[in-house]
Amino acid sequence: MHLIVGLGNPGKEYENTRHNLGFMALASIASKLSVELGWHNIRINLTRQKLHYAKTDNIILADNQPLFMNEAGRVVKNLMKHFKIEPSQLIVIHDDLDMELGKVKIKEGGGSGGHNGLKSIINHLGTNDFYRVKIGIGRPPGRKDPADFVLEDFRKSELEEIDLSIEKAAEEALSIVNL
């Protein structure tokens, strides 16, 4: 069993932002597998929590809702505990400022690279020994603050390349499951 988590921020205002590429790739995987993410109540440490996921025979697809990306580790840890997932069975899909726009790369282990969603997951799990599928968004132009840049929508001129990278990221995540 593998857990594939797409990182992003909940809410309509963030739907098409650079920081939500993980959500977009997760939606592509769900479509390929003909499943739909839904809200489910799970019991963790005597408390009920509502989490957003879909389950197949060998894959759980989830996002970090209802929490924002900076708190993703709490959701991921709870899902892993509930479904008895080891860190080596976790695949996190996320945006990456340090990669050229549209590039996709699989990475096993390593630090957060300054990504607050990854930082939260590493802190909550106590390990960085999991897979990441990174989707490049490039650096912000000029002196623009990276925190503002990741919360911007893509420019029209970038959309075709981004659509291709979302599909590639979905394929790469599924290829890890099939290793």
C-alpha atoms as a PDB file:
ATOM      1  CA  MET A   1       0.000   0.000   0.000  1.00  0.00           C
ATOM      2  CA  HIS A   2       1.253   3.500  -0.863  1.00  0.00           C
ATOM      3  CA  LEU A   3       0.042   6.909   0.235  1.00  0.00           C
ATOM      4  CA  ILE A   4       0.282   9.637  -2.421  1.00  0.00           C
ATOM      5  CA  VAL A   5      -0.201  13.132  -0.999  1.00  0.00           C
ATOM      6  CA  GLY A   6      -0.613  16.230  -3.141  1.00  0.00           C
ATOM      7  CA  LEU A   7       0.299  19.434  -1.304  1.00  0.00           C
ATOM      8  CA  GLY A   8      -1.648  22.666  -1.659  1.00  0.00           C
ATOM      9  CA  ASN A   9      -3.838  25.178   0.125  1.00  0.00           C
ATOM     10  CA  PRO A  10      -7.603  24.767   0.535  1.00  0.00           C
ATOM     11  CA  GLY A  11      -9.992  27.377  -0.826  1.00  0.00           C
ATOM     12  CA  LYS A  12     -11.114  28.730  -4.189  1.00  0.00           C
ATOM     13  CA  GLU A  13      -8.666  31.648  -3.999  1.00  0.00           C
ATOM     14  CA  TYR A  14      -5.694  29.223  -4.081  1.00  0.00           C
ATOM     15  CA  GLU A  15      -7.104  26.751  -6.599  1.00  0.00           C
ATOM     16  CA  ASN A  16      -4.907  27.679  -9.579  1.00  0.00           C
ATOM     17  CA  THR A  17      -1.805  28.954  -7.792  1.00  0.00           C
ATOM     18  CA  ARG A  18       1.743  27.701  -8.178  1.00  0.00           C
ATOM     19  CA  HIS A  19       1.661  26.314  -4.641  1.00  0.00           C
ATOM     20  CA  ASN A  20      -1.275  24.043  -5.532  1.00  0.00           C
ATOM     21  CA  LEU A  21       0.476  21.933  -8.162  1.00  0.00           C
ATOM     22  CA  GLY A  22       0.375  18.988  -5.754  1.00  0.00           C
ATOM     23  CA  PHE A  23      -3.433  19.173  -5.623  1.00  0.00           C
ATOM     24  CA  MET A  24      -3.556  19.425  -9.430  1.00  0.00           C
ATOM     25  CA  ALA A  25      -1.340  16.361  -9.941  1.00  0.00           C
ATOM     26  CA  LEU A  26      -3.386  14.439  -7.367  1.00  0.00           C
ATOM     27  CA  ALA A  27      -6.567  15.244  -9.325  1.00  0.00           C
ATOM     28  CA  SER A  28      -4.886  13.872 -12.454  1.00  0.00           C
ATOM     29  CA  ILE A  29      -3.997  10.620 -10.662  1.00  0.00           C
ATOM     30  CA  ALA A  30      -7.539  10.300  -9.304  1.00  0.00           C
ATOM     31  CA  SER A  31      -8.881  10.709 -12.837  1.00  0.00           C
ATOM     32  CA  LYS A  32      -6.477   8.067 -14.199  1.00  0.00           C
ATOM     33  CA  LEU A  33      -7.580   5.639 -11.463  1.00  0.00           C
ATOM     34  CA  SER A  34     -11.274   6.573 -11.837  1.00  0.00           C
ATOM     35  CA  VAL A  35     -11.641   7.512  -8.170  1.00  0.00           C
ATOM     36  CA  GLU A  36     -12.870  10.645  -6.458  1.00  0.00           C
ATOM     37  CA  LEU A  37     -11.487  12.100  -3.247  1.00  0.00           C
ATOM     38  CA  GLY A  38     -14.106  12.495  -0.547  1.00  0.00           C
ATOM     39  CA  TRP A  39     -14.375  13.447   3.102  1.00  0.00           C
ATOM     40  CA  HIS A  40     -14.067  10.541   5.554  1.00  0.00           C
ATOM     41  CA  ASN A  41     -14.177  10.403   9.337  1.00  0.00           C
ATOM     42  CA  ILE A  42     -11.273   8.495  10.840  1.00  0.00           C
ATOM     43  CA  ARG A  43     -10.452   7.796  14.450  1.00  0.00           C
ATOM     44  CA  ILE A  44      -6.965   8.759  15.660  1.00  0.00           C
ATOM     45  CA  ASN A  45      -5.967   8.591  19.327  1.00  0.00           C
ATOM     46  CA  LEU A  46      -9.569   8.586  20.562  1.00  0.00           C
ATOM     47  CA  THR A  47     -10.534  11.599  18.435  1.00  0.00           C
ATOM     48  CA  ARG A  48     -12.477  11.738  15.193  1.00  0.00           C
ATOM     49  CA  GLN A  49     -10.975  13.637  12.290  1.00  0.00           C
ATOM     50  CA  LYS A  50     -12.401  14.428   8.895  1.00  0.00           C
ATOM     51  CA  LEU A  51      -9.816  13.888   6.144  1.00  0.00           C
ATOM     52  CA  HIS A  52      -9.964  14.153   2.353  1.00  0.00           C
ATOM     53  CA  TYR A  53      -8.855  10.992   0.523  1.00  0.00           C
ATOM     54  CA  ALA A  54      -9.691   8.123  -1.851  1.00  0.00           C
ATOM     55  CA  LYS A  55      -8.564   4.502  -1.521  1.00  0.00           C
ATOM     56  CA  THR A  56      -7.943   1.804  -4.127  1.00  0.00           C
ATOM     57  CA  ASP A  57      -6.600  -1.722  -3.600  1.00  0.00           C
ATOM     58  CA  ASN A  58      -2.987  -0.548  -3.325  1.00  0.00           C
ATOM     59  CA  ILE A  59      -3.023   3.276  -3.249  1.00  0.00           C
ATOM     60  CA  ILE A  60      -4.434   5.949  -0.981  1.00  0.00           C
ATOM     61  CA  LEU A  61      -4.681   9.385  -2.598  1.00  0.00           C
ATOM     62  CA  ALA A  62      -4.930  12.298  -0.180  1.00  0.00           C
ATOM     63  CA  ASP A  63      -4.363  15.989   0.190  1.00  0.00           C
ATOM     64  CA  ASN A  64      -3.588  18.041   3.294  1.00  0.00           C
ATOM     65  CA  GLN A  65      -7.100  19.499   3.614  1.00  0.00           C
ATOM     66  CA  PRO A  66      -8.669  20.803   5.779  1.00  0.00           C
ATOM     67  CA  LEU A  67      -5.323  22.305   6.877  1.00  0.00           C
ATOM     68  CA  PHE A  68      -3.113  24.702   4.962  1.00  0.00           C
ATOM     69  CA  MET A  69       0.135  23.493   3.463  1.00  0.00           C
ATOM     70  CA  ASN A  70       2.281  24.760   6.346  1.00  0.00           C
ATOM     71  CA  GLU A  71       0.477  22.280   8.633  1.00  0.00           C
ATOM     72  CA  ALA A  72       0.413  19.359   6.178  1.00  0.00           C
ATOM     73  CA  GLY A  73       2.492  17.157   8.479  1.00  0.00           C
ATOM     74  CA  ARG A  74      -0.400  16.710  10.916  1.00  0.00           C
ATOM     75  CA  VAL A  75      -2.697  15.345   8.217  1.00  0.00           C
ATOM     76  CA  VAL A  76      -0.007  13.133   6.659  1.00  0.00           C
ATOM     77  CA  LYS A  77       0.995  11.663  10.021  1.00  0.00           C
ATOM     78  CA  ASN A  78      -2.641  10.879  10.870  1.00  0.00           C
ATOM     79  CA  LEU A  79      -3.263   9.212   7.504  1.00  0.00           C
ATOM     80  CA  MET A  80      -0.085   7.147   7.845  1.00  0.00           C
ATOM     81  CA  LYS A  81      -1.033   6.058  11.337  1.00  0.00           C
ATOM     82  CA  HIS A  82      -4.608   5.176  10.345  1.00  0.00           C
ATOM     83  CA  PHE A  83      -3.595   3.162   7.260  1.00  0.00           C
ATOM     84  CA  LYS A  84      -0.346   1.770   8.752  1.00  0.00           C
ATOM     85  CA  ILE A  85       1.853   3.345   6.076  1.00  0.00           C
ATOM     86  CA  GLU A  86       5.642   3.367   6.476  1.00  0.00           C
ATOM     87  CA  PRO A  87       7.643   6.456   5.405  1.00  0.00           C
ATOM     88  CA  SER A  88       9.124   4.444   2.505  1.00  0.00           C
ATOM     89  CA  GLN A  89       5.543   4.037   1.185  1.00  0.00           C
ATOM     90  CA  LEU A  90       4.831   7.790   1.215  1.00  0.00           C
ATOM     91  CA  ILE A  91       4.970   9.871  -1.984  1.00  0.00           C
ATOM     92  CA  VAL A  92       4.539  13.651  -1.677  1.00  0.00           C
ATOM     93  CA  ILE A  93       3.861  15.765  -4.780  1.00  0.00           C
ATOM     94  CA  HIS A  94       4.771  19.451  -4.460  1.00  0.00           C
ATOM     95  CA  ASP A  95       5.912  22.614  -6.216  1.00  0.00           C
ATOM     96  CA  ASP A  96       9.614  23.513  -6.262  1.00  0.00           C
ATOM     97  CA  LEU A  97      11.005  27.055  -6.613  1.00  0.00           C
ATOM     98  CA  ASP A  98      14.525  25.834  -7.348  1.00  0.00           C
ATOM     99  CA  MET A  99      13.558  23.890 -10.459  1.00  0.00           C
ATOM    100  CA  GLU A 100      12.870  25.352 -13.879  1.00  0.00           C
ATOM    101  CA  LEU A 101       9.198  25.847 -14.734  1.00  0.00           C
ATOM    102  CA  GLY A 102       7.612  22.580 -15.862  1.00  0.00           C
ATOM    103  CA  LYS A 103      10.473  20.255 -14.930  1.00  0.00           C
ATOM    104  CA  VAL A 104       9.527  17.153 -12.918  1.00  0.00           C
ATOM    105  CA  LYS A 105      11.877  15.141 -10.728  1.00  0.00           C
ATOM    106  CA  ILE A 106      11.582  12.210  -8.337  1.00  0.00           C
ATOM    107  CA  LYS A 107      13.645  12.486  -5.184  1.00  0.00           C
ATOM    108  CA  GLU A 108      14.021  10.026  -2.332  1.00  0.00           C
ATOM    109  CA  GLY A 109      14.838  11.539   1.062  1.00  0.00           C
ATOM    110  CA  GLY A 110      16.600  14.836   1.621  1.00  0.00           C
ATOM    111  CA  GLY A 111      15.712  18.102   3.300  1.00  0.00           C
ATOM    112  CA  SER A 112      12.762  20.417   2.839  1.00  0.00           C
ATOM    113  CA  GLY A 113      14.534  22.784   0.440  1.00  0.00           C
ATOM    114  CA  GLY A 114      12.764  25.624   2.254  1.00  0.00           C
ATOM    115  CA  HIS A 115       9.319  24.227   1.367  1.00  0.00           C
ATOM    116  CA  ASN A 116       7.122  24.708   4.447  1.00  0.00           C
ATOM    117  CA  GLY A 117       4.782  21.833   3.583  1.00  0.00           C
ATOM    118  CA  LEU A 118       7.723  19.415   3.390  1.00  0.00           C
ATOM    119  CA  LYS A 119       9.213  20.924   6.536  1.00  0.00           C
ATOM    120  CA  SER A 120       5.957  20.213   8.391  1.00  0.00           C
ATOM    121  CA  ILE A 121       5.851  16.609   7.140  1.00  0.00           C
ATOM    122  CA  ILE A 122       9.485  15.969   8.094  1.00  0.00           C
ATOM    123  CA  ASN A 123       8.927  17.482  11.557  1.00  0.00           C
ATOM    124  CA  HIS A 124       5.761  15.472  12.242  1.00  0.00           C
ATOM    125  CA  LEU A 125       7.144  12.169  10.937  1.00  0.00           C
ATOM    126  CA  GLY A 126      10.585  12.609  12.479  1.00  0.00           C
ATOM    127  CA  THR A 127      12.146  11.410   9.220  1.00  0.00           C
ATOM    128  CA  ASN A 128      12.812  12.643   5.707  1.00  0.00           C
ATOM    129  CA  ASP A 129      12.960   9.108   4.283  1.00  0.00           C
ATOM    130  CA  PHE A 130      10.067   9.347   1.811  1.00  0.00           C
ATOM    131  CA  TYR A 131       9.615   9.987  -1.902  1.00  0.00           C
ATOM    132  CA  ARG A 132       8.892  13.390  -3.383  1.00  0.00           C
ATOM    133  CA  VAL A 133       7.717  14.227  -6.878  1.00  0.00           C
ATOM    134  CA  LYS A 134       8.838  17.803  -7.445  1.00  0.00           C
ATOM    135  CA  ILE A 135       7.274  20.084 -10.059  1.00  0.00           C
ATOM    136  CA  GLY A 136       9.328  23.127 -11.012  1.00  0.00           C
ATOM    137  CA  ILE A 137       7.761  26.572 -10.839  1.00  0.00           C
ATOM    138  CA  GLY A 138      10.987  28.558 -11.290  1.00  0.00           C
ATOM    139  CA  ARG A 139      12.214  31.526  -9.286  1.00  0.00           C
ATOM    140  CA  PRO A 140      10.187  34.715  -8.928  1.00  0.00           C
ATOM    141  CA  PRO A 141      11.136  37.514 -11.320  1.00  0.00           C
ATOM    142  CA  GLY A 142      13.224  40.418 -10.056  1.00  0.00           C
ATOM    143  CA  ARG A 143      12.925  41.105  -6.344  1.00  0.00           C
ATOM    144  CA  LYS A 144       9.480  39.551  -5.920  1.00  0.00           C
ATOM    145  CA  ASP A 145       9.029  37.777  -2.591  1.00  0.00           C
ATOM    146  CA  PRO A 146       8.919  33.975  -3.114  1.00  0.00           C
ATOM    147  CA  ALA A 147       6.068  33.734  -0.557  1.00  0.00           C
ATOM    148  CA  ASP A 148       3.943  35.990  -2.786  1.00  0.00           C
ATOM    149  CA  PHE A 149       5.092  34.309  -6.010  1.00  0.00           C
ATOM    150  CA  VAL A 150       3.945  30.809  -4.982  1.00  0.00           C
ATOM    151  CA  LEU A 151       0.453  32.156  -4.237  1.00  0.00           C
ATOM    152  CA  GLU A 152       0.040  33.663  -7.721  1.00  0.00           C
ATOM    153  CA  ASP A 153      -1.893  32.038 -10.554  1.00  0.00           C
ATOM    154  CA  PHE A 154       0.106  30.876 -13.569  1.00  0.00           C
ATOM    155  CA  ARG A 155       0.389  33.220 -16.533  1.00  0.00           C
ATOM    156  CA  LYS A 156      -1.494  32.163 -19.683  1.00  0.00           C
ATOM    157  CA  SER A 157       1.826  31.623 -21.457  1.00  0.00           C
ATOM    158  CA  GLU A 158       2.788  29.019 -18.815  1.00  0.00           C
ATOM    159  CA  LEU A 159      -0.404  26.948 -18.803  1.00  0.00           C
ATOM    160  CA  GLU A 160       0.438  24.491 -21.598  1.00  0.00           C
ATOM    161  CA  GLU A 161       3.791  23.628 -20.021  1.00  0.00           C
ATOM    162  CA  ILE A 162       2.223  23.340 -16.559  1.00  0.00           C
ATOM    163  CA  ASP A 163      -0.499  20.993 -17.841  1.00  0.00           C
ATOM    164  CA  LEU A 164       2.199  18.726 -19.300  1.00  0.00           C
ATOM    165  CA  SER A 165       4.192  18.791 -16.050  1.00  0.00           C
ATOM    166  CA  ILE A 166       1.088  17.907 -14.006  1.00  0.00           C
ATOM    167  CA  GLU A 167       0.535  14.830 -16.194  1.00  0.00           C
ATOM    168  CA  LYS A 168       4.214  13.870 -15.983  1.00  0.00           C
ATOM    169  CA  ALA A 169       4.192  14.233 -12.177  1.00  0.00           C
ATOM    170  CA  ALA A 170       1.104  12.010 -11.974  1.00  0.00           C
ATOM    171  CA  GLU A 171       2.832   9.361 -14.105  1.00  0.00           C
ATOM    172  CA  GLU A 172       6.034   9.578 -12.031  1.00  0.00           C
ATOM    173  CA  ALA A 173       4.123   9.135  -8.756  1.00  0.00           C
ATOM    174  CA  LEU A 174       2.350   6.074 -10.143  1.00  0.00           C
ATOM    175  CA  SER A 175       5.681   4.687 -11.407  1.00  0.00           C
ATOM    176  CA  ILE A 176       7.011   4.713  -7.821  1.00  0.00           C
ATOM    177  CA  VAL A 177       4.029   2.620  -6.709  1.00  0.00           C
ATOM    178  CA  ASN A 178       4.820   0.097  -9.448  1.00  0.00           C
ATOM    179  CA  LEU A 179       8.519  -0.337  -8.528  1.00  0.00           C
END
